[in-house]
Each structure stands twice: as structure tokens, then as C-alpha cells.
N, C-alpha and C. Protein backbone atom coordinates (compact mmCIF):
# COMPACT_ATOMS: atom_id res chain seq x y z
N UNK A 1 150.58 -102.50 -4.46
CA UNK A 1 149.88 -102.29 -3.18
C UNK A 1 150.52 -101.12 -2.44
N UNK A 2 149.71 -100.13 -1.96
CA UNK A 2 150.28 -98.96 -1.30
C UNK A 2 150.94 -99.34 0.02
N UNK A 3 152.00 -98.58 0.36
CA UNK A 3 152.69 -98.84 1.62
C UNK A 3 151.81 -98.45 2.79
N UNK A 4 152.03 -99.11 3.92
CA UNK A 4 151.20 -98.88 5.09
C UNK A 4 152.03 -98.19 6.17
N UNK A 5 151.53 -97.09 6.67
CA UNK A 5 152.14 -96.40 7.80
C UNK A 5 151.62 -97.07 9.06
N UNK A 6 152.45 -97.91 9.66
CA UNK A 6 151.99 -98.72 10.78
C UNK A 6 151.61 -97.88 12.00
N UNK A 7 152.35 -96.82 12.26
CA UNK A 7 152.01 -95.95 13.38
C UNK A 7 150.63 -95.33 13.17
N UNK A 8 150.38 -94.88 11.95
CA UNK A 8 149.08 -94.31 11.61
C UNK A 8 147.98 -95.35 11.75
N UNK A 9 148.25 -96.55 11.25
CA UNK A 9 147.28 -97.64 11.32
C UNK A 9 146.91 -97.96 12.75
N UNK A 10 147.91 -98.15 13.61
CA UNK A 10 147.65 -98.49 15.01
C UNK A 10 146.95 -97.34 15.73
N UNK A 11 147.30 -96.11 15.36
CA UNK A 11 146.67 -94.94 15.98
C UNK A 11 145.18 -94.90 15.66
N UNK A 12 144.84 -95.14 14.40
CA UNK A 12 143.43 -95.15 13.99
C UNK A 12 142.68 -96.26 14.71
N UNK A 13 143.29 -97.42 14.82
CA UNK A 13 142.65 -98.56 15.48
C UNK A 13 142.35 -98.24 16.94
N UNK A 14 143.35 -97.76 17.67
CA UNK A 14 143.20 -97.50 19.10
C UNK A 14 142.27 -96.33 19.37
N UNK A 15 142.45 -95.23 18.65
CA UNK A 15 141.62 -94.04 18.86
C UNK A 15 140.15 -94.35 18.58
N UNK A 16 139.90 -95.10 17.53
CA UNK A 16 138.52 -95.47 17.19
C UNK A 16 137.89 -96.32 18.27
N UNK A 17 138.63 -97.31 18.76
CA UNK A 17 138.11 -98.18 19.82
C UNK A 17 137.78 -97.39 21.08
N UNK A 18 138.67 -96.49 21.46
CA UNK A 18 138.44 -95.68 22.66
C UNK A 18 137.23 -94.76 22.48
N UNK A 19 137.10 -94.20 21.29
CA UNK A 19 136.00 -93.28 21.02
C UNK A 19 134.65 -93.99 21.02
N UNK A 20 134.59 -95.14 20.38
CA UNK A 20 133.31 -95.84 20.25
C UNK A 20 132.83 -96.40 21.58
N UNK A 21 133.77 -96.72 22.48
CA UNK A 21 133.40 -97.28 23.78
C UNK A 21 133.05 -96.22 24.82
N UNK A 22 133.28 -94.96 24.48
CA UNK A 22 132.94 -93.88 25.41
C UNK A 22 131.42 -93.70 25.45
N UNK A 23 130.82 -93.68 26.65
CA UNK A 23 129.36 -93.51 26.75
C UNK A 23 128.91 -92.19 26.14
N UNK A 24 127.76 -92.23 25.50
CA UNK A 24 127.22 -91.02 24.87
C UNK A 24 125.82 -91.28 24.37
N UNK A 25 125.28 -90.41 23.52
CA UNK A 25 123.92 -90.58 23.00
C UNK A 25 123.70 -91.91 22.29
N UNK A 26 124.67 -92.36 21.50
CA UNK A 26 124.53 -93.63 20.77
C UNK A 26 124.34 -94.78 21.75
N UNK A 27 125.16 -94.79 22.80
CA UNK A 27 125.07 -95.87 23.80
C UNK A 27 123.71 -95.83 24.49
N UNK A 28 123.25 -94.64 24.85
CA UNK A 28 121.96 -94.51 25.51
C UNK A 28 120.82 -94.99 24.61
N UNK A 29 120.91 -94.65 23.33
CA UNK A 29 119.86 -95.04 22.39
C UNK A 29 119.81 -96.55 22.19
N UNK A 30 120.97 -97.16 21.97
CA UNK A 30 121.03 -98.61 21.78
C UNK A 30 120.56 -99.34 23.03
N UNK A 31 120.98 -98.87 24.19
CA UNK A 31 120.58 -99.50 25.45
C UNK A 31 119.08 -99.44 25.64
N UNK A 32 118.51 -98.29 25.38
CA UNK A 32 117.07 -98.12 25.54
C UNK A 32 116.29 -99.04 24.62
N UNK A 33 116.64 -99.02 23.34
CA UNK A 33 115.92 -99.85 22.38
C UNK A 33 116.07 -101.33 22.67
N UNK A 34 117.26 -101.73 23.07
CA UNK A 34 117.52 -103.15 23.35
C UNK A 34 116.73 -103.63 24.55
N UNK A 35 116.76 -102.86 25.64
CA UNK A 35 116.08 -103.27 26.86
C UNK A 35 114.57 -103.24 26.72
N UNK A 36 114.05 -102.29 25.95
CA UNK A 36 112.61 -102.14 25.85
C UNK A 36 111.99 -102.88 24.67
N UNK A 37 112.75 -103.07 23.60
CA UNK A 37 112.16 -103.65 22.39
C UNK A 37 112.90 -104.85 21.83
N UNK A 38 113.94 -105.29 22.51
CA UNK A 38 114.59 -106.53 22.11
C UNK A 38 115.84 -106.37 21.26
N UNK A 39 116.46 -107.50 21.00
CA UNK A 39 117.75 -107.53 20.30
C UNK A 39 117.66 -106.99 18.88
N UNK A 40 116.61 -107.35 18.17
CA UNK A 40 116.50 -106.90 16.77
C UNK A 40 116.51 -105.38 16.68
N UNK A 41 115.75 -104.74 17.55
CA UNK A 41 115.71 -103.27 17.55
C UNK A 41 117.08 -102.69 17.87
N UNK A 42 117.77 -103.28 18.84
CA UNK A 42 119.09 -102.79 19.22
C UNK A 42 120.11 -102.94 18.11
N UNK A 43 120.09 -104.08 17.44
CA UNK A 43 121.05 -104.33 16.35
C UNK A 43 120.75 -103.42 15.16
N UNK A 44 119.48 -103.22 14.86
CA UNK A 44 119.13 -102.31 13.76
C UNK A 44 119.53 -100.87 14.08
N UNK A 45 119.41 -100.51 15.35
CA UNK A 45 119.87 -99.19 15.78
C UNK A 45 121.38 -99.08 15.56
N UNK A 46 122.11 -100.14 15.91
CA UNK A 46 123.57 -100.17 15.70
C UNK A 46 123.90 -100.04 14.21
N UNK A 47 123.10 -100.68 13.37
CA UNK A 47 123.31 -100.59 11.92
C UNK A 47 123.10 -99.15 11.43
N UNK A 48 122.10 -98.49 11.99
CA UNK A 48 121.85 -97.09 11.64
C UNK A 48 123.01 -96.20 12.04
N UNK A 49 123.60 -96.48 13.20
CA UNK A 49 124.77 -95.72 13.67
C UNK A 49 125.93 -95.92 12.71
N UNK A 50 126.14 -97.17 12.30
CA UNK A 50 127.22 -97.47 11.36
C UNK A 50 127.05 -96.75 10.04
N UNK A 51 125.80 -96.65 9.55
CA UNK A 51 125.54 -95.94 8.30
C UNK A 51 125.80 -94.44 8.46
N UNK A 52 125.40 -93.89 9.60
CA UNK A 52 125.64 -92.47 9.85
C UNK A 52 127.13 -92.16 9.87
N UNK A 53 127.92 -93.06 10.46
CA UNK A 53 129.37 -92.90 10.46
C UNK A 53 129.89 -92.87 9.03
N UNK A 54 129.33 -93.73 8.18
CA UNK A 54 129.74 -93.77 6.77
C UNK A 54 129.45 -92.44 6.08
N UNK A 55 128.34 -91.81 6.44
CA UNK A 55 128.00 -90.50 5.86
C UNK A 55 129.02 -89.46 6.30
N UNK A 56 129.36 -89.45 7.60
CA UNK A 56 130.37 -88.51 8.11
C UNK A 56 131.70 -88.69 7.36
N UNK A 57 132.07 -89.94 7.16
CA UNK A 57 133.34 -90.25 6.50
C UNK A 57 133.31 -89.82 5.04
N UNK A 58 132.18 -90.04 4.38
CA UNK A 58 132.05 -89.69 2.96
C UNK A 58 132.26 -88.21 2.72
N UNK A 59 131.55 -87.36 3.48
CA UNK A 59 131.73 -85.93 3.22
C UNK A 59 133.08 -85.42 3.71
N UNK A 60 133.69 -86.13 4.67
CA UNK A 60 135.04 -85.76 5.11
C UNK A 60 136.05 -86.05 4.01
N UNK A 61 135.93 -87.20 3.37
CA UNK A 61 136.84 -87.56 2.28
C UNK A 61 136.64 -86.67 1.06
N UNK A 62 135.44 -86.13 0.91
CA UNK A 62 135.17 -85.22 -0.20
C UNK A 62 135.68 -83.81 0.08
N UNK A 63 136.21 -83.62 1.29
CA UNK A 63 136.77 -82.32 1.65
C UNK A 63 135.79 -81.37 2.30
N UNK A 64 134.55 -81.84 2.52
CA UNK A 64 133.53 -80.97 3.11
C UNK A 64 133.61 -80.93 4.62
N UNK A 65 134.27 -81.95 5.21
CA UNK A 65 134.36 -82.01 6.67
C UNK A 65 135.06 -80.80 7.26
N UNK A 66 136.17 -80.41 6.65
CA UNK A 66 136.92 -79.25 7.13
C UNK A 66 136.07 -77.98 7.02
N UNK A 67 135.32 -77.88 5.92
CA UNK A 67 134.46 -76.72 5.71
C UNK A 67 133.41 -76.63 6.82
N UNK A 68 132.76 -77.77 7.12
CA UNK A 68 131.75 -77.79 8.17
C UNK A 68 132.36 -77.48 9.53
N UNK A 69 133.51 -78.10 9.82
CA UNK A 69 134.14 -77.94 11.13
C UNK A 69 134.57 -76.50 11.38
N UNK A 70 134.92 -75.78 10.31
CA UNK A 70 135.38 -74.39 10.46
C UNK A 70 134.26 -73.37 10.27
N UNK A 71 133.06 -73.86 10.01
CA UNK A 71 131.91 -72.98 9.81
C UNK A 71 131.09 -72.94 11.10
N UNK A 72 131.16 -71.83 11.80
CA UNK A 72 130.47 -71.71 13.09
C UNK A 72 128.97 -71.90 12.92
N UNK A 73 128.41 -71.34 11.85
CA UNK A 73 126.97 -71.44 11.62
C UNK A 73 126.56 -72.89 11.41
N UNK A 74 127.34 -73.64 10.63
CA UNK A 74 127.01 -75.04 10.37
C UNK A 74 127.10 -75.87 11.64
N UNK A 75 128.13 -75.61 12.46
CA UNK A 75 128.29 -76.34 13.71
C UNK A 75 127.14 -76.05 14.67
N UNK A 76 126.75 -74.78 14.74
CA UNK A 76 125.66 -74.40 15.63
C UNK A 76 124.35 -75.05 15.19
N UNK A 77 124.12 -75.07 13.87
CA UNK A 77 122.90 -75.68 13.35
C UNK A 77 122.87 -77.16 13.68
N UNK A 78 123.99 -77.85 13.46
CA UNK A 78 124.06 -79.28 13.76
C UNK A 78 123.88 -79.52 15.25
N UNK A 79 124.47 -78.66 16.07
CA UNK A 79 124.33 -78.80 17.52
C UNK A 79 122.88 -78.64 17.95
N UNK A 80 122.20 -77.65 17.39
CA UNK A 80 120.80 -77.43 17.75
C UNK A 80 119.91 -78.57 17.27
N UNK A 81 120.14 -79.05 16.07
CA UNK A 81 119.35 -80.17 15.56
C UNK A 81 119.54 -81.41 16.42
N UNK A 82 120.80 -81.71 16.74
CA UNK A 82 121.09 -82.86 17.57
C UNK A 82 120.50 -82.74 18.95
N UNK A 83 120.62 -81.56 19.55
CA UNK A 83 120.11 -81.34 20.90
C UNK A 83 118.59 -81.45 20.94
N UNK A 84 117.91 -80.83 19.98
CA UNK A 84 116.45 -80.87 19.96
C UNK A 84 115.94 -82.28 19.70
N UNK A 85 116.67 -83.04 18.88
CA UNK A 85 116.27 -84.43 18.62
C UNK A 85 116.37 -85.26 19.89
N UNK A 86 117.47 -85.12 20.64
CA UNK A 86 117.64 -85.87 21.88
C UNK A 86 116.60 -85.45 22.92
N UNK A 87 116.34 -84.16 23.02
CA UNK A 87 115.34 -83.68 23.98
C UNK A 87 113.96 -84.20 23.61
N UNK A 88 113.66 -84.22 22.31
CA UNK A 88 112.36 -84.74 21.87
C UNK A 88 112.22 -86.22 22.21
N UNK A 89 113.28 -87.00 21.98
CA UNK A 89 113.23 -88.42 22.32
C UNK A 89 113.02 -88.62 23.81
N UNK A 90 113.76 -87.84 24.61
CA UNK A 90 113.63 -87.96 26.06
C UNK A 90 112.24 -87.57 26.54
N UNK A 91 111.71 -86.48 26.01
CA UNK A 91 110.38 -86.03 26.40
C UNK A 91 109.31 -87.03 25.97
N UNK A 92 109.50 -87.64 24.82
CA UNK A 92 108.54 -88.65 24.34
C UNK A 92 108.51 -89.86 25.27
N UNK A 93 109.69 -90.24 25.78
CA UNK A 93 109.76 -91.37 26.70
C UNK A 93 109.08 -91.05 28.02
N UNK A 94 109.12 -89.78 28.43
CA UNK A 94 108.54 -89.37 29.71
C UNK A 94 107.08 -88.94 29.58
N UNK A 95 106.59 -88.81 28.35
CA UNK A 95 105.25 -88.28 28.14
C UNK A 95 104.15 -89.05 28.85
N UNK A 96 104.15 -90.40 28.89
CA UNK A 96 103.08 -91.11 29.60
C UNK A 96 102.96 -90.68 31.06
N UNK A 97 104.11 -90.48 31.75
CA UNK A 97 104.07 -90.05 33.15
C UNK A 97 103.60 -88.61 33.27
N UNK A 98 104.05 -87.76 32.33
CA UNK A 98 103.63 -86.36 32.36
C UNK A 98 102.12 -86.26 32.13
N UNK A 99 101.63 -87.02 31.16
CA UNK A 99 100.20 -87.01 30.84
C UNK A 99 99.38 -87.53 32.02
N UNK A 100 99.88 -88.60 32.66
CA UNK A 100 99.18 -89.19 33.80
C UNK A 100 99.09 -88.19 34.95
N UNK A 101 100.15 -87.42 35.14
CA UNK A 101 100.16 -86.42 36.21
C UNK A 101 99.17 -85.30 35.92
N UNK A 102 99.05 -84.93 34.66
CA UNK A 102 98.14 -83.84 34.28
C UNK A 102 96.69 -84.26 34.46
N UNK A 103 96.36 -85.48 34.01
CA UNK A 103 94.96 -85.94 34.08
C UNK A 103 94.66 -86.68 35.37
N UNK A 104 95.67 -86.76 36.25
CA UNK A 104 95.50 -87.42 37.56
C UNK A 104 95.12 -88.88 37.44
N UNK A 105 95.71 -89.58 36.47
CA UNK A 105 95.48 -91.01 36.29
C UNK A 105 96.82 -91.70 36.17
N UNK A 106 96.91 -92.96 36.64
CA UNK A 106 98.17 -93.69 36.51
C UNK A 106 98.49 -93.95 35.06
N UNK A 107 99.77 -94.03 34.71
CA UNK A 107 100.16 -94.30 33.32
C UNK A 107 99.57 -95.61 32.84
N UNK A 108 99.05 -95.63 31.63
CA UNK A 108 98.50 -96.85 31.06
C UNK A 108 99.60 -97.66 30.42
N UNK A 109 99.32 -98.91 30.16
CA UNK A 109 100.31 -99.79 29.55
C UNK A 109 100.39 -99.59 28.05
N UNK A 110 99.46 -98.78 27.51
CA UNK A 110 99.49 -98.51 26.08
C UNK A 110 100.70 -97.68 25.73
N UNK A 111 101.53 -98.13 24.80
CA UNK A 111 102.75 -97.39 24.49
C UNK A 111 102.45 -96.04 23.89
N UNK A 112 103.28 -95.05 24.21
CA UNK A 112 103.12 -93.73 23.62
C UNK A 112 103.53 -93.78 22.16
N UNK A 113 103.24 -92.72 21.43
CA UNK A 113 103.49 -92.73 20.00
C UNK A 113 104.95 -93.00 19.68
N UNK A 114 105.88 -92.40 20.47
CA UNK A 114 107.30 -92.61 20.18
C UNK A 114 107.70 -94.05 20.45
N UNK A 115 107.19 -94.61 21.57
CA UNK A 115 107.52 -95.99 21.89
C UNK A 115 106.96 -96.95 20.85
N UNK A 116 105.74 -96.68 20.40
CA UNK A 116 105.14 -97.53 19.38
C UNK A 116 105.91 -97.44 18.08
N UNK A 117 106.41 -96.25 17.79
CA UNK A 117 107.13 -96.06 16.52
C UNK A 117 108.46 -96.78 16.52
N UNK A 118 109.23 -96.68 17.62
CA UNK A 118 110.55 -97.28 17.61
C UNK A 118 110.52 -98.79 17.71
N UNK A 119 109.34 -99.35 18.04
CA UNK A 119 109.23 -100.80 18.03
C UNK A 119 109.26 -101.33 16.60
N UNK A 120 108.98 -100.45 15.67
CA UNK A 120 109.07 -100.80 14.26
C UNK A 120 110.53 -100.86 13.84
N UNK A 121 110.89 -101.86 13.06
CA UNK A 121 112.29 -102.06 12.68
C UNK A 121 112.88 -100.85 11.97
N UNK A 122 112.13 -100.27 11.05
CA UNK A 122 112.64 -99.12 10.32
C UNK A 122 112.89 -97.95 11.26
N UNK A 123 112.00 -97.76 12.24
CA UNK A 123 112.16 -96.66 13.17
C UNK A 123 113.38 -96.86 14.06
N UNK A 124 113.64 -98.10 14.45
CA UNK A 124 114.82 -98.39 15.27
C UNK A 124 116.09 -98.05 14.49
N UNK A 125 116.11 -98.42 13.23
CA UNK A 125 117.26 -98.13 12.38
C UNK A 125 117.48 -96.63 12.25
N UNK A 126 116.41 -95.89 11.93
CA UNK A 126 116.54 -94.46 11.71
C UNK A 126 116.78 -93.69 13.01
N UNK A 127 116.34 -94.26 14.14
CA UNK A 127 116.66 -93.64 15.43
C UNK A 127 118.16 -93.64 15.66
N UNK A 128 118.80 -94.77 15.35
CA UNK A 128 120.25 -94.86 15.49
C UNK A 128 120.96 -93.95 14.50
N UNK A 129 120.46 -93.91 13.28
CA UNK A 129 121.08 -93.07 12.25
C UNK A 129 121.01 -91.60 12.64
N UNK A 130 119.83 -91.13 13.02
CA UNK A 130 119.66 -89.72 13.35
C UNK A 130 120.44 -89.34 14.59
N UNK A 131 120.45 -90.23 15.58
CA UNK A 131 121.17 -89.95 16.83
C UNK A 131 122.65 -89.67 16.55
N UNK A 132 123.25 -90.43 15.66
CA UNK A 132 124.66 -90.25 15.34
C UNK A 132 124.88 -89.13 14.33
N UNK A 133 124.03 -89.06 13.33
CA UNK A 133 124.21 -88.08 12.26
C UNK A 133 124.10 -86.65 12.77
N UNK A 134 123.24 -86.42 13.78
CA UNK A 134 123.03 -85.08 14.30
C UNK A 134 123.97 -84.73 15.46
N UNK A 135 124.92 -85.60 15.74
CA UNK A 135 125.85 -85.36 16.84
C UNK A 135 127.10 -84.64 16.32
N UNK A 136 127.27 -83.36 16.64
CA UNK A 136 128.44 -82.63 16.13
C UNK A 136 129.77 -83.18 16.64
N UNK A 137 129.74 -83.84 17.81
CA UNK A 137 130.98 -84.41 18.34
C UNK A 137 131.49 -85.53 17.44
N UNK A 138 130.56 -86.28 16.86
CA UNK A 138 130.96 -87.35 15.94
C UNK A 138 131.60 -86.76 14.69
N UNK A 139 131.00 -85.70 14.17
CA UNK A 139 131.56 -85.05 12.99
C UNK A 139 132.96 -84.53 13.27
N UNK A 140 133.15 -83.88 14.41
CA UNK A 140 134.45 -83.33 14.76
C UNK A 140 135.48 -84.44 14.98
N UNK A 141 135.03 -85.57 15.53
CA UNK A 141 135.93 -86.71 15.73
C UNK A 141 136.44 -87.23 14.39
N UNK A 142 135.53 -87.43 13.45
CA UNK A 142 135.91 -87.96 12.13
C UNK A 142 136.83 -86.97 11.41
N UNK A 143 136.46 -85.70 11.42
CA UNK A 143 137.27 -84.68 10.74
C UNK A 143 138.66 -84.60 11.36
N UNK A 144 138.73 -84.61 12.70
CA UNK A 144 140.03 -84.54 13.39
C UNK A 144 140.89 -85.75 13.07
N UNK A 145 140.26 -86.91 13.03
CA UNK A 145 141.00 -88.14 12.76
C UNK A 145 141.63 -88.11 11.37
N UNK A 146 140.84 -87.67 10.39
CA UNK A 146 141.34 -87.67 9.01
C UNK A 146 142.26 -86.49 8.70
N UNK A 147 142.19 -85.44 9.50
CA UNK A 147 143.03 -84.27 9.23
C UNK A 147 144.30 -84.22 10.08
N UNK A 148 144.26 -84.84 11.28
CA UNK A 148 145.38 -84.74 12.19
C UNK A 148 146.14 -86.05 12.39
N UNK A 149 145.45 -87.16 12.27
CA UNK A 149 146.10 -88.47 12.50
C UNK A 149 146.50 -89.11 11.18
N UNK A 150 145.61 -89.05 10.20
CA UNK A 150 145.87 -89.67 8.90
C UNK A 150 146.61 -88.68 8.00
N UNK A 151 147.73 -89.11 7.49
CA UNK A 151 148.60 -88.24 6.68
C UNK A 151 147.95 -87.89 5.34
N UNK A 152 148.31 -86.72 4.83
CA UNK A 152 147.82 -86.30 3.51
C UNK A 152 148.43 -87.16 2.41
N UNK A 153 149.50 -87.88 2.73
CA UNK A 153 150.15 -88.75 1.75
C UNK A 153 149.52 -90.15 1.71
N UNK A 154 148.61 -90.41 2.62
CA UNK A 154 147.93 -91.71 2.65
C UNK A 154 147.06 -91.86 1.40
N UNK A 155 147.11 -93.02 0.79
CA UNK A 155 146.34 -93.25 -0.45
C UNK A 155 144.84 -93.26 -0.18
N UNK A 156 144.07 -92.98 -1.22
CA UNK A 156 142.62 -92.98 -1.10
C UNK A 156 142.11 -94.36 -0.70
N UNK A 157 142.73 -95.40 -1.25
CA UNK A 157 142.33 -96.76 -0.91
C UNK A 157 142.49 -97.02 0.58
N UNK A 158 143.60 -96.54 1.15
CA UNK A 158 143.83 -96.73 2.58
C UNK A 158 142.84 -95.90 3.40
N UNK A 159 142.54 -94.69 2.94
CA UNK A 159 141.57 -93.86 3.64
C UNK A 159 140.18 -94.51 3.63
N UNK A 160 139.82 -95.10 2.50
CA UNK A 160 138.55 -95.82 2.42
C UNK A 160 138.54 -97.02 3.35
N UNK A 161 139.69 -97.68 3.47
CA UNK A 161 139.81 -98.82 4.38
C UNK A 161 139.64 -98.37 5.83
N UNK A 162 140.25 -97.25 6.17
CA UNK A 162 140.08 -96.69 7.51
C UNK A 162 138.60 -96.38 7.77
N UNK A 163 137.97 -95.77 6.77
CA UNK A 163 136.56 -95.42 6.92
C UNK A 163 135.68 -96.64 7.13
N UNK A 164 135.94 -97.69 6.36
CA UNK A 164 135.18 -98.93 6.50
C UNK A 164 135.39 -99.53 7.89
N UNK A 165 136.63 -99.47 8.37
CA UNK A 165 136.95 -99.99 9.70
C UNK A 165 136.20 -99.21 10.79
N UNK A 166 136.22 -97.88 10.70
CA UNK A 166 135.56 -97.05 11.70
C UNK A 166 134.06 -97.33 11.75
N UNK A 167 133.43 -97.41 10.58
CA UNK A 167 131.99 -97.68 10.52
C UNK A 167 131.68 -99.07 11.05
N UNK A 168 132.51 -100.05 10.67
CA UNK A 168 132.29 -101.43 11.10
C UNK A 168 132.45 -101.58 12.61
N UNK A 169 133.45 -100.92 13.18
CA UNK A 169 133.67 -100.99 14.63
C UNK A 169 132.48 -100.41 15.38
N UNK A 170 131.95 -99.30 14.89
CA UNK A 170 130.76 -98.71 15.54
C UNK A 170 129.59 -99.68 15.50
N UNK A 171 129.35 -100.28 14.34
CA UNK A 171 128.25 -101.23 14.24
C UNK A 171 128.46 -102.43 15.15
N UNK A 172 129.65 -103.03 15.10
CA UNK A 172 129.91 -104.23 15.89
C UNK A 172 129.84 -103.96 17.38
N UNK A 173 130.41 -102.84 17.82
CA UNK A 173 130.40 -102.54 19.25
C UNK A 173 128.97 -102.40 19.77
N UNK A 174 128.15 -101.63 19.08
CA UNK A 174 126.79 -101.43 19.56
C UNK A 174 125.91 -102.66 19.33
N UNK A 175 126.24 -103.48 18.35
CA UNK A 175 125.54 -104.75 18.19
C UNK A 175 125.87 -105.68 19.35
N UNK A 176 127.11 -105.65 19.81
CA UNK A 176 127.52 -106.43 20.98
C UNK A 176 126.78 -105.93 22.22
N UNK A 177 126.70 -104.60 22.37
CA UNK A 177 125.97 -104.02 23.50
C UNK A 177 124.52 -104.49 23.48
N UNK A 178 123.90 -104.45 22.30
CA UNK A 178 122.51 -104.88 22.16
C UNK A 178 122.36 -106.36 22.50
N UNK A 179 123.31 -107.16 22.09
CA UNK A 179 123.26 -108.60 22.36
C UNK A 179 123.40 -108.89 23.85
N UNK A 180 124.34 -108.21 24.50
CA UNK A 180 124.55 -108.42 25.94
C UNK A 180 123.35 -107.97 26.76
N UNK A 181 122.69 -106.91 26.32
CA UNK A 181 121.55 -106.39 27.07
C UNK A 181 120.26 -107.18 26.81
N UNK A 182 120.31 -108.10 25.87
CA UNK A 182 119.10 -108.87 25.56
C UNK A 182 119.28 -110.36 25.81
N UNK A 183 120.28 -110.71 26.62
CA UNK A 183 120.40 -112.11 27.03
C UNK A 183 119.21 -112.45 27.93
N UNK A 184 118.89 -113.71 28.03
CA UNK A 184 117.73 -114.14 28.80
C UNK A 184 117.81 -113.67 30.26
N UNK A 185 119.00 -113.74 30.83
CA UNK A 185 119.18 -113.36 32.23
C UNK A 185 118.92 -111.87 32.44
N UNK A 186 119.47 -111.05 31.56
CA UNK A 186 119.29 -109.60 31.68
C UNK A 186 117.83 -109.23 31.43
N UNK A 187 117.22 -109.83 30.40
CA UNK A 187 115.83 -109.53 30.09
C UNK A 187 114.90 -109.93 31.22
N UNK A 188 115.21 -111.04 31.86
CA UNK A 188 114.38 -111.50 32.97
C UNK A 188 114.44 -110.51 34.13
N UNK A 189 115.62 -109.99 34.39
CA UNK A 189 115.78 -109.04 35.50
C UNK A 189 115.23 -107.66 35.16
N UNK A 190 115.30 -107.28 33.89
CA UNK A 190 114.87 -105.94 33.51
C UNK A 190 113.38 -105.85 33.22
N UNK A 191 112.72 -107.01 33.05
CA UNK A 191 111.30 -107.01 32.67
C UNK A 191 110.44 -106.25 33.68
N UNK A 192 110.77 -106.41 34.96
CA UNK A 192 109.98 -105.77 36.01
C UNK A 192 110.25 -104.27 36.13
N UNK A 193 111.30 -103.81 35.46
CA UNK A 193 111.69 -102.41 35.60
C UNK A 193 111.59 -101.64 34.28
N UNK A 194 110.81 -102.16 33.33
CA UNK A 194 110.76 -101.52 32.01
C UNK A 194 110.26 -100.08 32.07
N UNK A 195 109.28 -99.82 32.95
CA UNK A 195 108.78 -98.45 33.07
C UNK A 195 109.88 -97.52 33.56
N UNK A 196 110.65 -98.00 34.53
CA UNK A 196 111.73 -97.17 35.07
C UNK A 196 112.88 -97.03 34.07
N UNK A 197 113.12 -98.08 33.30
CA UNK A 197 114.14 -98.00 32.24
C UNK A 197 113.76 -96.92 31.24
N UNK A 198 112.47 -96.88 30.89
CA UNK A 198 111.97 -95.86 29.97
C UNK A 198 112.17 -94.46 30.55
N UNK A 199 111.87 -94.33 31.84
CA UNK A 199 112.01 -93.02 32.49
C UNK A 199 113.47 -92.58 32.57
N UNK A 200 114.33 -93.49 33.02
CA UNK A 200 115.75 -93.17 33.15
C UNK A 200 116.35 -92.83 31.79
N UNK A 201 115.99 -93.62 30.77
CA UNK A 201 116.49 -93.36 29.42
C UNK A 201 116.01 -92.00 28.93
N UNK A 202 114.75 -91.67 29.25
CA UNK A 202 114.22 -90.37 28.86
C UNK A 202 114.97 -89.22 29.50
N UNK A 203 115.25 -89.36 30.79
CA UNK A 203 115.99 -88.31 31.51
C UNK A 203 117.41 -88.18 30.95
N UNK A 204 118.06 -89.32 30.69
CA UNK A 204 119.42 -89.29 30.15
C UNK A 204 119.47 -88.63 28.78
N UNK A 205 118.53 -88.98 27.92
CA UNK A 205 118.51 -88.40 26.57
C UNK A 205 118.25 -86.90 26.62
N UNK A 206 117.32 -86.50 27.50
CA UNK A 206 117.05 -85.07 27.65
C UNK A 206 118.28 -84.36 28.22
N UNK A 207 118.93 -85.00 29.19
CA UNK A 207 120.13 -84.41 29.78
C UNK A 207 121.24 -84.24 28.77
N UNK A 208 121.42 -85.25 27.92
CA UNK A 208 122.44 -85.15 26.87
C UNK A 208 122.11 -84.04 25.88
N UNK A 209 120.81 -83.91 25.57
CA UNK A 209 120.40 -82.85 24.66
C UNK A 209 120.64 -81.47 25.25
N UNK A 210 120.30 -81.30 26.52
CA UNK A 210 120.52 -80.02 27.19
C UNK A 210 122.01 -79.71 27.29
N UNK A 211 122.81 -80.73 27.61
CA UNK A 211 124.26 -80.54 27.70
C UNK A 211 124.82 -80.11 26.35
N UNK A 212 124.29 -80.71 25.28
CA UNK A 212 124.75 -80.36 23.93
C UNK A 212 124.42 -78.90 23.61
N UNK A 213 123.24 -78.44 24.06
CA UNK A 213 122.85 -77.06 23.84
C UNK A 213 123.76 -76.09 24.58
N UNK A 214 124.21 -76.50 25.76
CA UNK A 214 125.00 -75.61 26.61
C UNK A 214 126.48 -75.59 26.24
N UNK A 215 126.93 -76.60 25.47
CA UNK A 215 128.34 -76.64 25.07
C UNK A 215 128.59 -75.65 23.94
N UNK A 216 129.64 -74.90 24.07
CA UNK A 216 129.99 -73.93 23.03
C UNK A 216 131.39 -74.20 22.52
């Protein structure tokens, strides 16, 4: 059995917990899906986030993470893809109000195409996956963790264990968020404000996308 660097182990545990609990696009996406479409959608979104983390870890362990992180063109492309995806999600959430303003009619209760799509389980999962996969900050976090915190002398088995832990923590944390936001008490209070939740979530997602575009 390979020896364990306890300082490294505790560092990975603490840094991962702090990173995953920091508010960002993933948190906004899980919150939106959970409040508007229920616990199943929120948990599936969390599962998608966990899978995306696994993808980041896989290419980092293959040595491609450093290449991507040091490639300005690749980072810019990922930043633009992530930003446009978030802006599209935000605009889709706001589209019923925009359309109502244009045609001078109040928003109908019929869900817009994006809302109808994410109510589907597969769409909830892929929304979480894409939200995390297209986030350059997540890629840089994983690459930095494996290049600066985890020693080059650490065994592959231990690195895989770290990777499994990081992915699992992301899934569990956002699954907990989804569960807390879909308790009967919270759902009862939020039911009357679903339209406003959709609007606020749309503005937040668009804001995060614009912020991502402006960061250099």
C-alpha cells in the first residue's frame, strides 16, 4: 500500500470543500432547477456536475491540463463557450417576459422552450454537466490542485483517489443543496414566487456569463 502524505491529503480535503461551497454558476444552476422543477432535477444536475469534474480530472491526469492551462487560445475558447452558454441560459429564462413586453401581453403560464427542456431528466443532467465543463475556473482549479498541491511523487492510485473524492464532494454538496431547496416548507414558500425565481436566476446566469467574458 502506497504511503500517504497526510499534509497533502488534508490540503486536498479542505481546499476542495472550500472551493465547492463557493457560490458560482454551478450553485445558480442547481438552485434554479431545484426550485423550479423539483428535487429530481436538482440531483440530476448535481450528478452532471460530478461527471464534468471527472472529465476535468481525467485530462489533467493524462497531462493535458497543463497544456490547456498554458494555452491562451484554449483558455479563451473555453471562456467564450462557457460565457455564451450561461448568457443563453439566462436569456432563455427571461424570454417569456421579453416576448410579453414586445407583443404587449402578459407572460403566459406555458413554459418557454428552455424551461420545458430542463424539466426533462436528461436535460437537467446535461445542464449541470455543461455548466461545469465549460467553466474555465473549474479547469484551472483542478490543474492547480494537481500541479501545486499534489506532489509529483504521489502514486497514480492516490491521485485517482483524490479525483474520486473531488468529484464525489461536488455531487454530494449540490445534491444536498437540491434536497434543502426542495423540502416541503421551502417549496411551499417558493411556489408563489416561481416567476420571480426564474427571472432572478436568469439575471444571475447572464451576469455570470458577462463577468466571465470580461475576466482576462
